[in-house]
N, C-alpha and C. Protein backbone atom coordinates (compact mmCIF):
# COMPACT_ATOMS: atom_id res chain seq x y z
N UNK A 1 57.83 -155.78 188.39
CA UNK A 1 58.01 -156.12 186.98
C UNK A 1 57.09 -155.24 186.12
N UNK A 2 57.67 -154.66 185.10
CA UNK A 2 56.89 -153.78 184.21
C UNK A 2 55.93 -154.61 183.35
N UNK A 3 54.71 -154.12 183.23
CA UNK A 3 53.73 -154.79 182.38
C UNK A 3 54.02 -154.46 180.92
N UNK A 4 53.66 -155.39 180.07
CA UNK A 4 53.75 -155.17 178.63
C UNK A 4 52.35 -155.02 178.07
N UNK A 5 52.27 -154.30 176.98
CA UNK A 5 51.03 -154.16 176.24
C UNK A 5 51.14 -155.07 175.02
N UNK A 6 50.09 -155.79 174.72
CA UNK A 6 50.08 -156.64 173.54
C UNK A 6 49.28 -155.93 172.45
N UNK A 7 49.97 -155.61 171.37
CA UNK A 7 49.33 -155.00 170.21
C UNK A 7 49.04 -156.09 169.20
N UNK A 8 47.81 -156.16 168.74
CA UNK A 8 47.41 -157.19 167.78
C UNK A 8 47.33 -156.56 166.40
N UNK A 9 48.19 -157.04 165.51
CA UNK A 9 48.25 -156.55 164.13
C UNK A 9 47.60 -157.60 163.25
N UNK A 10 46.48 -157.24 162.63
CA UNK A 10 45.73 -158.19 161.82
C UNK A 10 46.05 -158.02 160.34
N UNK A 11 46.21 -159.14 159.67
CA UNK A 11 46.36 -159.19 158.22
C UNK A 11 47.44 -158.25 157.70
N UNK A 12 48.63 -158.34 158.25
CA UNK A 12 49.76 -157.55 157.74
C UNK A 12 50.14 -158.12 156.38
N UNK A 13 50.20 -157.26 155.38
CA UNK A 13 50.49 -157.70 154.02
C UNK A 13 51.91 -157.30 153.64
N UNK A 14 52.64 -158.30 153.16
CA UNK A 14 54.01 -158.07 152.68
C UNK A 14 54.01 -158.23 151.17
N UNK A 15 54.78 -157.40 150.50
CA UNK A 15 54.83 -157.44 149.04
C UNK A 15 55.77 -158.52 148.51
N UNK A 16 56.64 -159.00 149.39
CA UNK A 16 57.59 -160.04 148.98
C UNK A 16 58.24 -160.60 150.25
N UNK A 17 58.98 -161.68 150.09
CA UNK A 17 59.72 -162.24 151.23
C UNK A 17 60.74 -161.23 151.76
N UNK A 18 61.51 -160.56 150.90
CA UNK A 18 62.45 -159.54 151.43
C UNK A 18 61.72 -158.41 152.18
N UNK A 19 60.51 -158.08 151.76
CA UNK A 19 59.72 -157.06 152.45
C UNK A 19 59.38 -157.54 153.86
N UNK A 20 59.01 -158.80 153.99
CA UNK A 20 58.72 -159.38 155.30
C UNK A 20 59.97 -159.40 156.18
N UNK A 21 61.11 -159.71 155.59
CA UNK A 21 62.37 -159.70 156.33
C UNK A 21 62.68 -158.29 156.83
N UNK A 22 62.45 -157.29 156.00
CA UNK A 22 62.67 -155.89 156.41
C UNK A 22 61.77 -155.51 157.58
N UNK A 23 60.51 -155.95 157.53
CA UNK A 23 59.56 -155.70 158.62
C UNK A 23 60.09 -156.29 159.92
N UNK A 24 60.51 -157.53 159.87
CA UNK A 24 61.02 -158.21 161.08
C UNK A 24 62.28 -157.52 161.59
N UNK A 25 63.19 -157.17 160.70
CA UNK A 25 64.41 -156.48 161.11
C UNK A 25 64.11 -155.12 161.74
N UNK A 26 63.13 -154.42 161.19
CA UNK A 26 62.73 -153.12 161.74
C UNK A 26 62.19 -153.30 163.16
N UNK A 27 61.34 -154.32 163.35
CA UNK A 27 60.80 -154.57 164.69
C UNK A 27 61.90 -154.88 165.69
N UNK A 28 62.92 -155.62 165.27
CA UNK A 28 64.03 -155.98 166.15
C UNK A 28 64.79 -154.75 166.63
N UNK A 29 64.78 -153.68 165.84
CA UNK A 29 65.50 -152.46 166.20
C UNK A 29 64.73 -151.58 167.18
N UNK A 30 63.45 -151.87 167.37
CA UNK A 30 62.64 -151.10 168.32
C UNK A 30 62.76 -151.78 169.68
N UNK A 31 63.55 -151.18 170.55
CA UNK A 31 63.91 -151.80 171.83
C UNK A 31 62.71 -152.08 172.74
N UNK A 32 61.63 -151.35 172.58
CA UNK A 32 60.45 -151.53 173.42
C UNK A 32 59.62 -152.76 173.03
N UNK A 33 59.87 -153.31 171.85
CA UNK A 33 59.19 -154.56 171.47
C UNK A 33 59.98 -155.69 172.09
N UNK A 34 59.37 -156.38 173.04
CA UNK A 34 60.09 -157.43 173.77
C UNK A 34 59.83 -158.83 173.20
N UNK A 35 58.76 -159.00 172.44
CA UNK A 35 58.46 -160.30 171.82
C UNK A 35 57.44 -160.11 170.72
N UNK A 36 57.49 -161.01 169.75
CA UNK A 36 56.51 -161.02 168.64
C UNK A 36 56.10 -162.46 168.41
N UNK A 37 54.79 -162.69 168.34
CA UNK A 37 54.26 -164.02 168.09
C UNK A 37 53.26 -163.95 166.95
N UNK A 38 53.27 -164.95 166.10
CA UNK A 38 52.30 -165.03 165.02
C UNK A 38 51.24 -166.05 165.35
N UNK A 39 49.99 -165.67 165.13
CA UNK A 39 48.84 -166.55 165.32
C UNK A 39 47.95 -166.44 164.09
N UNK A 40 48.08 -167.38 163.18
CA UNK A 40 47.30 -167.31 161.95
C UNK A 40 47.66 -166.06 161.15
N UNK A 41 46.68 -165.21 160.93
CA UNK A 41 46.91 -163.97 160.19
C UNK A 41 47.14 -162.77 161.12
N UNK A 42 47.47 -163.04 162.37
CA UNK A 42 47.72 -161.96 163.33
C UNK A 42 49.15 -162.02 163.84
N UNK A 43 49.69 -160.85 164.12
CA UNK A 43 50.96 -160.73 164.85
C UNK A 43 50.64 -160.09 166.19
N UNK A 44 51.17 -160.65 167.25
CA UNK A 44 51.00 -160.08 168.58
C UNK A 44 52.34 -159.51 169.01
N UNK A 45 52.38 -158.19 169.13
CA UNK A 45 53.60 -157.49 169.55
C UNK A 45 53.51 -157.22 171.04
N UNK A 46 54.45 -157.72 171.79
CA UNK A 46 54.53 -157.45 173.23
C UNK A 46 55.46 -156.25 173.38
N UNK A 47 54.87 -155.15 173.82
CA UNK A 47 55.58 -153.87 173.87
C UNK A 47 55.60 -153.37 175.31
N UNK A 48 56.76 -152.85 175.73
CA UNK A 48 56.84 -152.25 177.06
C UNK A 48 55.80 -151.15 177.17
N UNK A 49 55.04 -151.15 178.26
CA UNK A 49 53.99 -150.15 178.44
C UNK A 49 54.54 -148.74 178.59
N UNK A 50 55.74 -148.63 179.13
CA UNK A 50 56.39 -147.33 179.31
C UNK A 50 57.35 -147.09 178.14
N UNK A 51 56.77 -146.87 176.97
CA UNK A 51 57.55 -146.76 175.74
C UNK A 51 58.13 -145.35 175.57
N UNK A 52 59.42 -145.23 175.24
CA UNK A 52 59.98 -143.90 174.99
C UNK A 52 59.44 -143.30 173.68
N UNK A 53 59.48 -141.99 173.59
CA UNK A 53 58.97 -141.30 172.41
C UNK A 53 59.59 -141.81 171.11
N UNK A 54 60.90 -142.03 171.13
CA UNK A 54 61.57 -142.47 169.89
C UNK A 54 61.03 -143.82 169.41
N UNK A 55 60.76 -144.74 170.33
CA UNK A 55 60.21 -146.03 169.95
C UNK A 55 58.76 -145.91 169.50
N UNK A 56 58.01 -145.03 170.12
CA UNK A 56 56.63 -144.81 169.69
C UNK A 56 56.60 -144.25 168.27
N UNK A 57 57.49 -143.33 167.97
CA UNK A 57 57.57 -142.80 166.60
C UNK A 57 57.93 -143.90 165.61
N UNK A 58 58.81 -144.81 166.00
CA UNK A 58 59.16 -145.93 165.13
C UNK A 58 57.96 -146.85 164.91
N UNK A 59 57.19 -147.11 165.96
CA UNK A 59 55.99 -147.93 165.81
C UNK A 59 54.99 -147.27 164.87
N UNK A 60 54.80 -145.96 165.02
CA UNK A 60 53.90 -145.23 164.13
C UNK A 60 54.37 -145.38 162.68
N UNK A 61 55.66 -145.22 162.46
CA UNK A 61 56.22 -145.35 161.11
C UNK A 61 56.06 -146.76 160.56
N UNK A 62 56.31 -147.76 161.39
CA UNK A 62 56.16 -149.15 160.99
C UNK A 62 54.71 -149.44 160.61
N UNK A 63 53.78 -148.99 161.46
CA UNK A 63 52.36 -149.19 161.19
C UNK A 63 51.95 -148.48 159.90
N UNK A 64 52.48 -147.29 159.69
CA UNK A 64 52.15 -146.54 158.48
C UNK A 64 52.67 -147.27 157.24
N UNK A 65 53.91 -147.67 157.27
CA UNK A 65 54.54 -148.33 156.11
C UNK A 65 53.81 -149.61 155.72
N UNK A 66 53.39 -150.39 156.72
CA UNK A 66 52.77 -151.67 156.45
C UNK A 66 51.24 -151.63 156.56
N UNK A 67 50.70 -150.43 156.59
CA UNK A 67 49.25 -150.21 156.58
C UNK A 67 48.52 -151.00 157.68
N UNK A 68 49.10 -150.99 158.88
CA UNK A 68 48.51 -151.66 160.03
C UNK A 68 47.59 -150.66 160.72
N UNK A 69 46.44 -151.11 161.15
CA UNK A 69 45.50 -150.24 161.85
C UNK A 69 46.19 -149.64 163.08
N UNK A 70 46.19 -148.32 163.16
CA UNK A 70 46.91 -147.60 164.22
C UNK A 70 46.11 -147.38 165.49
N UNK A 71 44.84 -147.73 165.50
CA UNK A 71 43.98 -147.41 166.66
C UNK A 71 44.57 -147.91 167.98
N UNK A 72 45.20 -149.08 167.97
CA UNK A 72 45.73 -149.65 169.22
C UNK A 72 46.87 -148.83 169.82
N UNK A 73 47.50 -147.97 169.02
CA UNK A 73 48.61 -147.16 169.54
C UNK A 73 48.15 -146.11 170.55
N UNK A 74 46.85 -145.84 170.56
CA UNK A 74 46.29 -144.85 171.49
C UNK A 74 46.62 -145.19 172.95
N UNK A 75 46.81 -146.46 173.23
CA UNK A 75 47.10 -146.90 174.59
C UNK A 75 48.37 -146.24 175.15
N UNK A 76 49.25 -145.78 174.29
CA UNK A 76 50.51 -145.18 174.73
C UNK A 76 50.41 -143.68 175.02
N UNK A 77 49.23 -143.10 174.84
CA UNK A 77 49.04 -141.68 175.13
C UNK A 77 49.20 -141.44 176.63
N UNK A 78 50.00 -140.43 176.97
CA UNK A 78 50.16 -140.04 178.37
C UNK A 78 50.44 -138.54 178.43
N UNK A 79 50.53 -138.01 179.62
CA UNK A 79 50.74 -136.56 179.80
C UNK A 79 52.08 -136.10 179.21
N UNK A 80 53.09 -136.96 179.24
CA UNK A 80 54.41 -136.58 178.75
C UNK A 80 54.46 -136.46 177.23
N UNK A 81 53.69 -137.29 176.51
CA UNK A 81 53.77 -137.26 175.05
C UNK A 81 52.55 -136.64 174.38
N UNK A 82 51.59 -136.24 175.18
CA UNK A 82 50.31 -135.74 174.65
C UNK A 82 50.48 -134.59 173.65
N UNK A 83 51.39 -133.66 173.93
CA UNK A 83 51.55 -132.47 173.08
C UNK A 83 51.91 -132.84 171.63
N UNK A 84 52.78 -133.79 171.43
CA UNK A 84 53.17 -134.15 170.07
C UNK A 84 52.38 -135.35 169.54
N UNK A 85 52.07 -136.31 170.39
CA UNK A 85 51.41 -137.54 169.93
C UNK A 85 49.96 -137.29 169.53
N UNK A 86 49.27 -136.43 170.25
CA UNK A 86 47.86 -136.16 169.96
C UNK A 86 47.69 -134.83 169.23
N UNK A 87 48.72 -134.38 168.58
CA UNK A 87 48.69 -133.15 167.80
C UNK A 87 47.86 -133.38 166.53
N UNK A 88 46.79 -132.63 166.38
CA UNK A 88 45.87 -132.80 165.25
C UNK A 88 46.53 -132.54 163.89
N UNK A 89 47.68 -131.91 163.88
CA UNK A 89 48.38 -131.62 162.62
C UNK A 89 49.23 -132.80 162.15
N UNK A 90 49.44 -133.78 162.99
CA UNK A 90 50.27 -134.94 162.62
C UNK A 90 49.49 -135.88 161.71
N UNK A 91 50.17 -136.47 160.77
CA UNK A 91 49.49 -137.32 159.79
C UNK A 91 48.77 -138.51 160.43
N UNK A 92 49.21 -138.94 161.56
CA UNK A 92 48.62 -140.12 162.20
C UNK A 92 47.43 -139.81 163.09
N UNK A 93 47.17 -138.54 163.37
CA UNK A 93 46.14 -138.18 164.35
C UNK A 93 44.81 -138.88 164.07
N UNK A 94 44.27 -138.73 162.89
CA UNK A 94 42.98 -139.32 162.56
C UNK A 94 43.00 -140.83 162.61
N UNK A 95 44.12 -141.42 162.22
CA UNK A 95 44.23 -142.88 162.18
C UNK A 95 44.33 -143.50 163.57
N UNK A 96 44.74 -142.70 164.56
CA UNK A 96 44.86 -143.20 165.92
C UNK A 96 43.69 -142.76 166.80
N UNK A 97 43.30 -141.50 166.70
CA UNK A 97 42.38 -140.93 167.69
C UNK A 97 40.95 -140.72 167.23
N UNK A 98 40.65 -140.85 165.96
CA UNK A 98 39.26 -140.67 165.49
C UNK A 98 38.52 -141.99 165.53
N UNK A 99 37.26 -141.97 166.04
CA UNK A 99 36.40 -143.15 166.08
C UNK A 99 37.14 -144.37 166.61
N UNK A 100 37.75 -144.23 167.76
CA UNK A 100 38.62 -145.28 168.28
C UNK A 100 37.86 -146.43 168.93
N UNK A 101 38.07 -147.62 168.38
CA UNK A 101 37.69 -148.87 169.03
C UNK A 101 38.90 -149.76 168.98
N UNK A 102 39.37 -150.21 170.12
CA UNK A 102 40.65 -150.92 170.20
C UNK A 102 40.48 -152.27 170.88
N UNK A 103 41.19 -153.26 170.37
CA UNK A 103 41.31 -154.54 171.05
C UNK A 103 42.70 -154.59 171.63
N UNK A 104 42.80 -154.77 172.93
CA UNK A 104 44.10 -154.74 173.60
C UNK A 104 44.09 -155.71 174.76
N UNK A 105 45.23 -156.32 175.00
CA UNK A 105 45.42 -157.17 176.17
C UNK A 105 46.65 -156.67 176.90
N UNK A 106 46.77 -157.00 178.16
CA UNK A 106 48.02 -156.74 178.88
C UNK A 106 48.51 -158.06 179.45
N UNK A 107 49.83 -158.18 179.53
CA UNK A 107 50.40 -159.41 180.09
C UNK A 107 51.24 -159.07 181.30
């Protein structure tokens, strides 16, 4: 059985109820997200550990749009995606790989 990574998103801010609905609908379209649970002001995203590049790009975009701390996405770095994911020219590089301290669980 494949392990999932739990990403903890703290204090996600929505500008309106329709904005929150859009966020949820976007998450549903990312096939690697297998479950989402809310705990107070946190969302716990259960994500397949072996995430395809297209889903990782969607997560990066989702995190960027909703201003979620991207540090936890570093867990998905591997030899196959290193060339593009850890590219210093990408807008997310500093937000993911600089001064990284991450809280992560696996299930």
